[in-house]
N, C-alpha and C. Protein backbone atom coordinates (compact mmCIF):
# COMPACT_ATOMS: atom_id res chain seq x y z
N MET A 1 21.76 26.16 26.69
CA MET A 1 21.43 25.82 25.31
C MET A 1 20.04 26.35 25.00
N SER A 2 19.88 26.95 23.88
CA SER A 2 18.58 27.52 23.52
C SER A 2 17.58 26.42 23.18
N VAL A 3 16.30 26.77 23.30
CA VAL A 3 15.24 25.81 22.98
C VAL A 3 15.32 25.40 21.52
N VAL A 4 15.58 26.35 20.62
CA VAL A 4 15.65 26.05 19.19
C VAL A 4 16.77 25.06 18.92
N ARG A 5 17.96 25.28 19.50
CA ARG A 5 19.08 24.38 19.27
C ARG A 5 18.79 22.99 19.83
N CYS A 6 18.17 22.92 21.00
CA CYS A 6 17.80 21.64 21.60
C CYS A 6 16.77 20.92 20.73
N ASN A 7 15.75 21.66 20.26
CA ASN A 7 14.73 21.07 19.40
C ASN A 7 15.35 20.56 18.10
N TRP A 8 16.29 21.32 17.52
CA TRP A 8 16.93 20.91 16.28
C TRP A 8 17.69 19.61 16.47
N ARG A 9 18.43 19.47 17.58
CA ARG A 9 19.16 18.24 17.83
C ARG A 9 18.22 17.05 17.97
N LEU A 10 17.11 17.24 18.67
CA LEU A 10 16.13 16.18 18.84
C LEU A 10 15.55 15.76 17.50
N THR A 11 15.08 16.72 16.71
CA THR A 11 14.44 16.38 15.43
C THR A 11 15.46 15.84 14.44
N ARG A 12 16.71 16.30 14.51
CA ARG A 12 17.74 15.81 13.61
C ARG A 12 18.02 14.33 13.88
N GLY A 13 18.07 13.93 15.14
CA GLY A 13 18.28 12.53 15.50
C GLY A 13 17.15 11.65 15.04
N ILE A 14 15.91 12.11 15.20
CA ILE A 14 14.74 11.35 14.75
C ILE A 14 14.78 11.22 13.23
N ARG A 15 15.10 12.31 12.55
CA ARG A 15 15.11 12.32 11.08
C ARG A 15 16.12 11.33 10.54
N VAL A 16 17.32 11.33 11.08
CA VAL A 16 18.38 10.47 10.56
C VAL A 16 18.02 9.00 10.73
N SER A 17 17.53 8.60 11.89
CA SER A 17 17.23 7.19 12.12
C SER A 17 16.05 6.73 11.26
N LEU A 18 15.01 7.54 11.11
CA LEU A 18 13.86 7.15 10.29
C LEU A 18 14.22 7.05 8.81
N ILE A 19 14.93 8.04 8.31
CA ILE A 19 15.24 8.07 6.88
C ILE A 19 16.16 6.92 6.50
N THR A 20 17.19 6.67 7.29
CA THR A 20 18.13 5.63 6.91
C THR A 20 17.54 4.24 7.00
N SER A 21 16.64 3.99 7.93
CA SER A 21 16.13 2.63 8.08
C SER A 21 14.89 2.34 7.26
N VAL A 22 14.00 3.29 7.07
CA VAL A 22 12.72 3.01 6.45
C VAL A 22 12.48 3.80 5.16
N LEU A 23 12.75 5.07 5.17
CA LEU A 23 12.27 5.93 4.09
C LEU A 23 13.21 6.06 2.90
N LEU A 24 14.50 5.97 3.09
CA LEU A 24 15.41 6.13 1.96
C LEU A 24 15.17 5.13 0.84
N PRO A 25 14.92 3.85 1.15
CA PRO A 25 14.66 2.93 0.03
C PRO A 25 13.42 3.32 -0.79
N ALA A 26 12.39 3.86 -0.16
CA ALA A 26 11.17 4.23 -0.88
C ALA A 26 11.31 5.55 -1.62
N PHE A 27 12.09 6.48 -1.07
CA PHE A 27 12.26 7.81 -1.66
C PHE A 27 13.75 8.08 -1.83
N GLU A 28 14.35 7.43 -2.80
CA GLU A 28 15.80 7.44 -2.92
C GLU A 28 16.37 8.67 -3.62
N HIS A 29 15.53 9.49 -4.24
CA HIS A 29 16.03 10.63 -5.01
C HIS A 29 15.87 11.94 -4.23
N LYS A 30 16.98 12.59 -3.95
CA LYS A 30 16.95 13.91 -3.31
C LYS A 30 16.61 14.94 -4.37
N THR A 31 15.64 15.81 -4.07
CA THR A 31 15.22 16.82 -5.04
C THR A 31 15.75 18.19 -4.64
N ALA A 32 15.51 19.17 -5.50
CA ALA A 32 15.89 20.55 -5.19
C ALA A 32 14.82 21.27 -4.37
N TRP A 33 13.68 20.60 -4.13
CA TRP A 33 12.60 21.21 -3.36
C TRP A 33 12.87 21.11 -1.86
N GLN A 34 12.55 22.20 -1.16
CA GLN A 34 12.67 22.25 0.30
C GLN A 34 11.46 22.94 0.89
N PHE A 35 11.05 22.50 2.09
CA PHE A 35 10.07 23.26 2.86
C PHE A 35 10.79 24.44 3.49
N THR A 36 10.24 25.64 3.38
CA THR A 36 10.87 26.81 3.98
C THR A 36 10.11 27.32 5.20
N SER A 37 8.82 27.09 5.26
CA SER A 37 8.00 27.51 6.40
C SER A 37 6.64 26.83 6.27
N SER A 38 5.82 27.03 7.30
CA SER A 38 4.47 26.46 7.26
C SER A 38 3.57 27.26 8.18
N SER A 39 2.28 27.07 8.01
CA SER A 39 1.29 27.64 8.92
C SER A 39 0.07 26.73 8.87
N GLY A 40 -0.70 26.72 9.94
CA GLY A 40 -1.88 25.88 9.93
C GLY A 40 -2.47 25.71 11.31
N GLY A 41 -3.46 24.86 11.39
CA GLY A 41 -4.13 24.58 12.64
C GLY A 41 -4.71 23.19 12.65
N SER A 42 -4.93 22.67 13.87
CA SER A 42 -5.52 21.35 14.01
C SER A 42 -6.38 21.30 15.25
N LEU A 43 -7.40 20.43 15.20
CA LEU A 43 -8.28 20.17 16.32
C LEU A 43 -8.46 18.66 16.42
N GLY A 44 -8.58 18.17 17.64
CA GLY A 44 -8.78 16.74 17.80
C GLY A 44 -9.51 16.42 19.09
N GLY A 45 -10.13 15.27 19.11
CA GLY A 45 -10.81 14.79 20.30
C GLY A 45 -11.32 13.39 20.07
N TRP A 46 -11.34 12.59 21.13
CA TRP A 46 -11.86 11.23 21.07
C TRP A 46 -11.21 10.41 19.96
N SER A 47 -9.92 10.49 19.86
CA SER A 47 -9.10 9.70 18.92
C SER A 47 -9.27 10.07 17.46
N ILE A 48 -9.90 11.19 17.16
CA ILE A 48 -9.95 11.66 15.78
C ILE A 48 -9.48 13.11 15.74
N GLY A 49 -8.97 13.51 14.62
CA GLY A 49 -8.50 14.88 14.50
C GLY A 49 -8.49 15.33 13.06
N GLY A 50 -8.32 16.60 12.88
CA GLY A 50 -8.27 17.15 11.54
C GLY A 50 -7.64 18.52 11.55
N GLY A 51 -7.30 18.98 10.38
CA GLY A 51 -6.71 20.29 10.29
C GLY A 51 -6.39 20.66 8.86
N GLY A 52 -5.71 21.74 8.73
CA GLY A 52 -5.30 22.22 7.42
C GLY A 52 -4.23 23.27 7.56
N GLY A 53 -3.65 23.62 6.45
CA GLY A 53 -2.60 24.61 6.51
C GLY A 53 -1.97 24.88 5.16
N THR A 54 -0.84 25.55 5.23
CA THR A 54 -0.08 25.92 4.04
C THR A 54 1.38 25.55 4.26
N LEU A 55 1.96 24.91 3.25
CA LEU A 55 3.38 24.59 3.25
C LEU A 55 4.04 25.52 2.23
N TYR A 56 5.12 26.15 2.64
CA TYR A 56 5.86 27.05 1.75
C TYR A 56 7.09 26.30 1.26
N LEU A 57 7.26 26.25 -0.06
CA LEU A 57 8.35 25.48 -0.66
C LEU A 57 9.21 26.37 -1.54
N ALA A 58 10.45 25.96 -1.68
CA ALA A 58 11.36 26.64 -2.59
C ALA A 58 12.17 25.59 -3.34
N ASN A 59 12.46 25.88 -4.60
CA ASN A 59 13.30 25.02 -5.40
C ASN A 59 14.66 25.70 -5.51
N THR A 60 15.70 25.05 -4.98
CA THR A 60 17.02 25.67 -4.95
C THR A 60 17.67 25.76 -6.33
N SER A 61 17.23 24.96 -7.27
CA SER A 61 17.80 25.02 -8.63
C SER A 61 17.19 26.15 -9.45
N THR A 62 15.88 26.27 -9.41
CA THR A 62 15.20 27.25 -10.25
C THR A 62 14.84 28.54 -9.52
N ARG A 63 15.05 28.58 -8.21
CA ARG A 63 14.69 29.73 -7.35
C ARG A 63 13.18 29.96 -7.31
N GLU A 64 12.42 28.96 -7.70
CA GLU A 64 10.97 29.04 -7.70
C GLU A 64 10.45 28.89 -6.26
N GLU A 65 9.47 29.70 -5.90
CA GLU A 65 8.82 29.61 -4.59
C GLU A 65 7.34 29.32 -4.81
N ARG A 66 6.81 28.33 -4.10
CA ARG A 66 5.42 27.93 -4.28
C ARG A 66 4.77 27.67 -2.92
N THR A 67 3.45 27.63 -2.89
CA THR A 67 2.72 27.26 -1.68
C THR A 67 1.83 26.06 -1.99
N LEU A 68 1.75 25.19 -1.04
CA LEU A 68 0.93 23.99 -1.15
C LEU A 68 -0.04 24.01 0.02
N ARG A 69 -1.32 24.15 -0.27
CA ARG A 69 -2.34 24.16 0.78
C ARG A 69 -2.89 22.75 0.94
N TYR A 70 -3.34 22.43 2.16
CA TYR A 70 -3.84 21.08 2.39
C TYR A 70 -4.90 21.07 3.48
N PHE A 71 -5.70 20.03 3.48
CA PHE A 71 -6.60 19.71 4.59
C PHE A 71 -6.52 18.21 4.78
N ALA A 72 -6.70 17.76 6.03
CA ALA A 72 -6.56 16.34 6.33
C ALA A 72 -7.34 15.99 7.60
N GLY A 73 -7.66 14.72 7.74
CA GLY A 73 -8.33 14.22 8.93
C GLY A 73 -7.98 12.77 9.14
N GLY A 74 -8.10 12.31 10.39
CA GLY A 74 -7.78 10.92 10.66
C GLY A 74 -7.69 10.61 12.13
N ALA A 75 -6.84 9.65 12.46
CA ALA A 75 -6.72 9.15 13.83
C ALA A 75 -5.68 9.93 14.62
N SER A 76 -5.93 10.05 15.92
CA SER A 76 -4.95 10.68 16.81
C SER A 76 -4.91 9.90 18.11
N LEU A 77 -3.76 9.93 18.74
CA LEU A 77 -3.54 9.21 19.99
C LEU A 77 -2.76 10.10 20.93
N GLY A 78 -3.28 10.30 22.12
CA GLY A 78 -2.58 11.15 23.08
C GLY A 78 -3.25 11.09 24.44
N PRO A 79 -2.62 11.69 25.44
CA PRO A 79 -3.13 11.62 26.81
C PRO A 79 -4.30 12.56 27.10
N LEU A 80 -4.59 13.50 26.21
CA LEU A 80 -5.66 14.45 26.44
C LEU A 80 -6.93 14.01 25.71
N ALA A 81 -8.08 14.35 26.27
CA ALA A 81 -9.36 14.01 25.62
C ALA A 81 -9.58 14.82 24.35
N GLY A 82 -8.98 15.97 24.26
CA GLY A 82 -9.11 16.82 23.08
C GLY A 82 -8.07 17.91 23.13
N GLY A 83 -7.92 18.59 22.03
CA GLY A 83 -6.95 19.67 22.00
C GLY A 83 -6.90 20.33 20.63
N GLY A 84 -6.09 21.32 20.54
CA GLY A 84 -5.91 22.03 19.29
C GLY A 84 -4.63 22.83 19.33
N SER A 85 -4.11 23.12 18.16
CA SER A 85 -2.89 23.92 18.08
C SER A 85 -2.90 24.69 16.77
N PHE A 86 -2.02 25.68 16.70
CA PHE A 86 -1.87 26.44 15.46
C PHE A 86 -0.44 26.93 15.35
N SER A 87 -0.08 27.28 14.14
CA SER A 87 1.21 27.93 13.88
C SER A 87 0.99 28.95 12.78
N THR A 88 1.84 29.96 12.76
CA THR A 88 1.79 30.98 11.72
C THR A 88 3.11 30.95 10.96
N ALA A 89 3.13 31.51 9.79
CA ALA A 89 4.32 31.47 8.94
C ALA A 89 5.52 32.17 9.58
N ASP A 90 5.28 33.11 10.50
CA ASP A 90 6.41 33.81 11.11
C ASP A 90 6.95 33.10 12.35
N MET A 91 6.31 32.02 12.81
CA MET A 91 6.84 31.23 13.91
C MET A 91 7.98 30.35 13.39
N TRP A 92 8.89 29.97 14.28
CA TRP A 92 10.03 29.15 13.87
C TRP A 92 9.56 27.81 13.30
N SER A 93 10.01 27.49 12.10
CA SER A 93 9.81 26.18 11.50
C SER A 93 10.91 25.95 10.48
N ILE A 94 11.18 24.70 10.21
CA ILE A 94 12.26 24.37 9.30
C ILE A 94 11.96 23.05 8.60
N GLY A 95 12.28 23.01 7.32
CA GLY A 95 12.23 21.75 6.60
C GLY A 95 13.46 20.94 6.97
N LEU A 96 13.28 19.67 7.22
CA LEU A 96 14.40 18.81 7.61
C LEU A 96 14.95 18.12 6.37
N GLY A 97 15.95 18.73 5.78
CA GLY A 97 16.52 18.20 4.55
C GLY A 97 15.66 18.55 3.34
N ASN A 98 16.09 18.09 2.20
CA ASN A 98 15.34 18.31 0.97
C ASN A 98 14.19 17.31 0.88
N ILE A 99 13.18 17.67 0.11
CA ILE A 99 12.09 16.74 -0.17
C ILE A 99 12.67 15.63 -1.04
N ARG A 100 12.29 14.40 -0.72
CA ARG A 100 12.79 13.24 -1.45
C ARG A 100 11.69 12.71 -2.35
N ALA A 101 12.07 12.07 -3.44
CA ALA A 101 11.09 11.59 -4.42
C ALA A 101 11.31 10.12 -4.74
N ALA A 102 10.25 9.46 -5.16
CA ALA A 102 10.32 8.06 -5.58
C ALA A 102 10.92 7.94 -6.98
N HIS A 103 10.86 9.03 -7.76
CA HIS A 103 11.37 9.04 -9.13
C HIS A 103 12.41 10.15 -9.26
N GLU A 104 13.19 10.12 -10.33
CA GLU A 104 14.29 11.06 -10.48
C GLU A 104 13.88 12.52 -10.54
N SER A 105 12.81 12.83 -11.25
CA SER A 105 12.40 14.23 -11.34
C SER A 105 11.12 14.45 -10.54
N LEU A 106 11.00 15.64 -9.98
CA LEU A 106 9.82 15.98 -9.18
C LEU A 106 9.40 17.41 -9.52
N ALA A 107 8.26 17.54 -10.19
CA ALA A 107 7.69 18.85 -10.48
C ALA A 107 6.76 19.23 -9.34
N PHE A 108 6.50 20.51 -9.18
CA PHE A 108 5.61 20.97 -8.11
C PHE A 108 4.25 20.27 -8.19
N GLY A 109 3.70 20.14 -9.37
CA GLY A 109 2.40 19.51 -9.55
C GLY A 109 2.35 18.05 -9.11
N ASP A 110 3.50 17.37 -9.08
CA ASP A 110 3.55 15.98 -8.63
C ASP A 110 3.24 15.84 -7.15
N MET A 111 3.33 16.93 -6.39
CA MET A 111 3.09 16.88 -4.95
C MET A 111 1.64 17.17 -4.59
N LYS A 112 0.84 17.51 -5.58
CA LYS A 112 -0.57 17.82 -5.33
C LYS A 112 -1.39 16.53 -5.32
N GLY A 113 -2.61 16.62 -4.74
CA GLY A 113 -3.51 15.49 -4.73
C GLY A 113 -3.56 14.83 -3.36
N PRO A 114 -4.00 13.56 -3.32
CA PRO A 114 -4.09 12.86 -2.04
C PRO A 114 -2.74 12.81 -1.33
N MET A 115 -2.80 12.85 0.00
CA MET A 115 -1.58 12.88 0.81
C MET A 115 -1.83 12.22 2.15
N CYS A 116 -0.77 12.02 2.90
CA CYS A 116 -0.84 11.47 4.24
C CYS A 116 0.14 12.24 5.12
N ILE A 117 -0.26 12.53 6.36
CA ILE A 117 0.60 13.27 7.29
C ILE A 117 0.72 12.46 8.57
N LEU A 118 1.94 12.17 8.96
CA LEU A 118 2.22 11.56 10.26
C LEU A 118 2.81 12.66 11.12
N GLY A 119 2.15 12.98 12.24
CA GLY A 119 2.58 14.11 13.06
C GLY A 119 2.75 13.74 14.52
N LEU A 120 3.70 14.38 15.15
CA LEU A 120 3.96 14.24 16.57
C LEU A 120 4.03 15.65 17.13
N SER A 121 3.26 15.92 18.19
CA SER A 121 3.23 17.29 18.72
C SER A 121 3.16 17.29 20.23
N GLY A 122 3.66 18.35 20.80
CA GLY A 122 3.59 18.57 22.23
C GLY A 122 3.53 20.06 22.52
N ALA A 123 2.39 20.52 23.02
CA ALA A 123 2.20 21.93 23.33
C ALA A 123 1.20 22.06 24.46
N GLY A 124 1.28 23.17 25.17
CA GLY A 124 0.29 23.46 26.19
C GLY A 124 0.74 23.21 27.61
N MET A 125 2.02 22.91 27.80
CA MET A 125 2.53 22.75 29.14
C MET A 125 2.80 24.12 29.73
N ALA A 126 2.46 24.32 30.99
CA ALA A 126 2.50 25.65 31.61
C ALA A 126 3.88 26.30 31.54
N SER A 127 4.94 25.52 31.65
CA SER A 127 6.27 26.12 31.68
C SER A 127 6.87 26.35 30.30
N VAL A 128 6.21 25.90 29.25
CA VAL A 128 6.73 26.05 27.89
C VAL A 128 5.73 26.86 27.07
N PRO A 129 6.09 28.09 26.67
CA PRO A 129 5.13 28.93 25.94
C PRO A 129 4.80 28.42 24.54
N GLU A 130 5.74 27.75 23.91
CA GLU A 130 5.51 27.19 22.59
C GLU A 130 5.89 25.72 22.62
N GLY A 131 5.13 24.91 21.93
CA GLY A 131 5.45 23.49 21.83
C GLY A 131 6.16 23.20 20.53
N LEU A 132 6.43 21.94 20.31
CA LEU A 132 7.14 21.51 19.12
C LEU A 132 6.29 20.51 18.35
N SER A 133 6.34 20.62 17.05
CA SER A 133 5.64 19.69 16.17
C SER A 133 6.63 19.13 15.16
N LEU A 134 6.53 17.84 14.91
CA LEU A 134 7.32 17.19 13.89
C LEU A 134 6.33 16.52 12.94
N SER A 135 6.40 16.85 11.66
CA SER A 135 5.44 16.33 10.68
C SER A 135 6.16 15.69 9.51
N MET A 136 5.66 14.55 9.09
CA MET A 136 6.16 13.85 7.91
C MET A 136 5.05 13.88 6.86
N TYR A 137 5.35 14.40 5.69
CA TYR A 137 4.37 14.56 4.62
C TYR A 137 4.67 13.57 3.49
N PHE A 138 3.70 12.71 3.21
CA PHE A 138 3.76 11.80 2.07
C PHE A 138 2.84 12.41 1.01
N LEU A 139 3.40 12.88 -0.09
CA LEU A 139 2.66 13.69 -1.06
C LEU A 139 2.53 12.99 -2.41
N GLY A 140 1.46 13.35 -3.13
CA GLY A 140 1.31 12.92 -4.52
C GLY A 140 0.85 11.49 -4.70
N PHE A 141 -0.13 11.05 -3.93
CA PHE A 141 -0.73 9.72 -4.14
C PHE A 141 -1.56 9.74 -5.40
N SER A 142 -1.88 8.56 -5.90
CA SER A 142 -2.93 8.46 -6.92
C SER A 142 -4.27 8.59 -6.21
N VAL A 143 -5.32 8.91 -6.93
CA VAL A 143 -6.65 9.05 -6.34
C VAL A 143 -7.09 7.72 -5.71
N VAL A 144 -6.80 6.60 -6.37
CA VAL A 144 -7.17 5.28 -5.82
C VAL A 144 -6.46 5.04 -4.49
N SER A 145 -5.17 5.32 -4.42
CA SER A 145 -4.44 5.15 -3.16
C SER A 145 -4.96 6.09 -2.09
N GLY A 146 -5.32 7.30 -2.47
CA GLY A 146 -5.89 8.24 -1.52
C GLY A 146 -7.21 7.76 -0.95
N LEU A 147 -8.07 7.19 -1.79
CA LEU A 147 -9.35 6.67 -1.32
C LEU A 147 -9.16 5.45 -0.41
N THR A 148 -8.24 4.55 -0.78
CA THR A 148 -8.00 3.39 0.09
C THR A 148 -7.39 3.82 1.42
N SER A 149 -6.59 4.87 1.43
CA SER A 149 -6.04 5.41 2.67
C SER A 149 -7.15 5.97 3.55
N LEU A 150 -8.07 6.68 2.94
CA LEU A 150 -9.17 7.29 3.67
C LEU A 150 -10.10 6.23 4.25
N LEU A 151 -10.42 5.22 3.46
CA LEU A 151 -11.36 4.18 3.89
C LEU A 151 -10.71 3.07 4.72
N GLY A 152 -9.43 2.85 4.52
CA GLY A 152 -8.76 1.72 5.16
C GLY A 152 -8.22 1.98 6.55
N GLY A 153 -8.19 3.21 6.98
CA GLY A 153 -7.71 3.51 8.31
C GLY A 153 -6.24 3.87 8.36
N PRO A 154 -5.74 4.13 9.57
CA PRO A 154 -4.37 4.63 9.74
C PRO A 154 -3.26 3.74 9.20
N LEU A 155 -3.34 2.44 9.41
CA LEU A 155 -2.26 1.57 8.94
C LEU A 155 -2.21 1.50 7.42
N VAL A 156 -3.37 1.48 6.79
CA VAL A 156 -3.42 1.49 5.31
C VAL A 156 -2.87 2.81 4.80
N ALA A 157 -3.22 3.92 5.47
CA ALA A 157 -2.70 5.23 5.06
C ALA A 157 -1.19 5.28 5.14
N LEU A 158 -0.61 4.76 6.23
CA LEU A 158 0.84 4.76 6.37
C LEU A 158 1.50 3.85 5.33
N LEU A 159 0.92 2.68 5.10
CA LEU A 159 1.46 1.77 4.09
C LEU A 159 1.41 2.42 2.70
N ASN A 160 0.31 3.08 2.38
CA ASN A 160 0.23 3.79 1.10
C ASN A 160 1.25 4.92 1.04
N GLY A 161 1.49 5.60 2.17
CA GLY A 161 2.50 6.65 2.19
C GLY A 161 3.87 6.13 1.82
N LEU A 162 4.19 4.95 2.32
CA LEU A 162 5.50 4.37 2.05
C LEU A 162 5.62 3.77 0.65
N THR A 163 4.50 3.36 0.07
CA THR A 163 4.57 2.65 -1.20
C THR A 163 3.99 3.40 -2.40
N ALA A 164 3.05 4.34 -2.17
CA ALA A 164 2.35 4.97 -3.30
C ALA A 164 2.62 6.46 -3.45
N ALA A 165 3.24 7.09 -2.47
CA ALA A 165 3.48 8.53 -2.56
C ALA A 165 4.59 8.83 -3.55
N THR A 166 4.49 9.99 -4.19
CA THR A 166 5.50 10.45 -5.13
C THR A 166 6.66 11.14 -4.40
N ALA A 167 6.34 11.81 -3.27
CA ALA A 167 7.36 12.59 -2.57
C ALA A 167 7.17 12.48 -1.06
N PHE A 168 8.27 12.73 -0.35
CA PHE A 168 8.27 12.69 1.10
C PHE A 168 9.11 13.84 1.63
N GLY A 169 8.59 14.53 2.65
CA GLY A 169 9.35 15.60 3.29
C GLY A 169 8.98 15.72 4.75
N MET A 170 9.88 16.31 5.52
CA MET A 170 9.67 16.48 6.96
C MET A 170 9.84 17.93 7.36
N MET A 171 9.07 18.33 8.37
CA MET A 171 9.18 19.67 8.94
C MET A 171 9.12 19.59 10.44
N ALA A 172 9.78 20.51 11.09
CA ALA A 172 9.67 20.70 12.53
C ALA A 172 9.40 22.17 12.77
N GLY A 173 8.66 22.47 13.82
CA GLY A 173 8.38 23.86 14.10
C GLY A 173 7.67 24.05 15.41
N HIS A 174 7.58 25.29 15.81
CA HIS A 174 6.87 25.64 17.03
C HIS A 174 5.37 25.73 16.76
N ILE A 175 4.59 25.36 17.78
CA ILE A 175 3.14 25.48 17.72
C ILE A 175 2.65 26.08 19.03
N LYS A 176 1.47 26.64 19.01
CA LYS A 176 0.82 27.15 20.21
C LYS A 176 -0.52 26.45 20.36
N GLY A 177 -0.93 26.24 21.59
CA GLY A 177 -2.21 25.60 21.86
C GLY A 177 -2.04 24.51 22.89
N THR A 178 -2.99 23.60 22.92
CA THR A 178 -2.94 22.44 23.80
C THR A 178 -3.09 21.21 22.92
N ASP A 179 -1.98 20.57 22.64
CA ASP A 179 -1.97 19.45 21.70
C ASP A 179 -0.79 18.56 22.03
N VAL A 180 -1.06 17.35 22.50
CA VAL A 180 0.00 16.41 22.83
C VAL A 180 -0.38 15.06 22.23
N GLY A 181 0.45 14.52 21.36
CA GLY A 181 0.15 13.20 20.84
C GLY A 181 0.69 12.94 19.45
N LEU A 182 0.21 11.84 18.91
CA LEU A 182 0.60 11.34 17.61
C LEU A 182 -0.64 11.29 16.73
N SER A 183 -0.51 11.70 15.48
CA SER A 183 -1.66 11.66 14.57
C SER A 183 -1.24 11.11 13.22
N LEU A 184 -2.18 10.47 12.56
CA LEU A 184 -1.98 9.99 11.20
C LEU A 184 -3.22 10.36 10.41
N GLN A 185 -3.05 11.29 9.47
CA GLN A 185 -4.19 11.85 8.77
C GLN A 185 -4.03 11.71 7.25
N THR A 186 -5.15 11.53 6.60
CA THR A 186 -5.21 11.48 5.14
C THR A 186 -5.91 12.74 4.65
N GLY A 187 -5.42 13.30 3.57
CA GLY A 187 -6.04 14.53 3.09
C GLY A 187 -5.75 14.80 1.63
N TRP A 188 -5.82 16.09 1.30
CA TRP A 188 -5.66 16.53 -0.08
C TRP A 188 -4.80 17.78 -0.10
N ALA A 189 -3.82 17.82 -0.97
CA ALA A 189 -2.96 18.99 -1.15
C ALA A 189 -3.29 19.64 -2.49
N PHE A 190 -3.38 20.97 -2.51
CA PHE A 190 -3.72 21.68 -3.74
C PHE A 190 -2.98 23.00 -3.82
């Protein structure tokens, strides 16, 4: 079985269980927007991390293609004292389903502004040339919710993601570097 097929089965199982139990009630509307690729980088150490990147989106109804750039920082948890990873747009990545919204319609501009990213990554093992990253993007907070997420810490950021975000989407993809762990970051998409 290929690594890509194995990774897809793993991320598909995680996606289904999370969406059906927690996220579908908050983001009940399936939109025409999809993540098509991504690129970016991250650095972390001593339980904090940060990064930035670009999300490539497409609207299947209008055939519109857009890019959403972001930067974020926050808490990280993992077995390494520090690490970093990167991905480029030509590396394998995939949006997991359509982007979901809290309201019936979702314009591209609704996804801009404060955001929260919950990420899980594993890269840098000697026998695996590329690692895997799974990211959940909570997009389109109000400025007040974004500030309380930034000042309130990881649990407040996640709670705001579930209750104040306009849109939610997931991506999986390959990364390179040395990065193993879980992160919860608050940032800005533009």
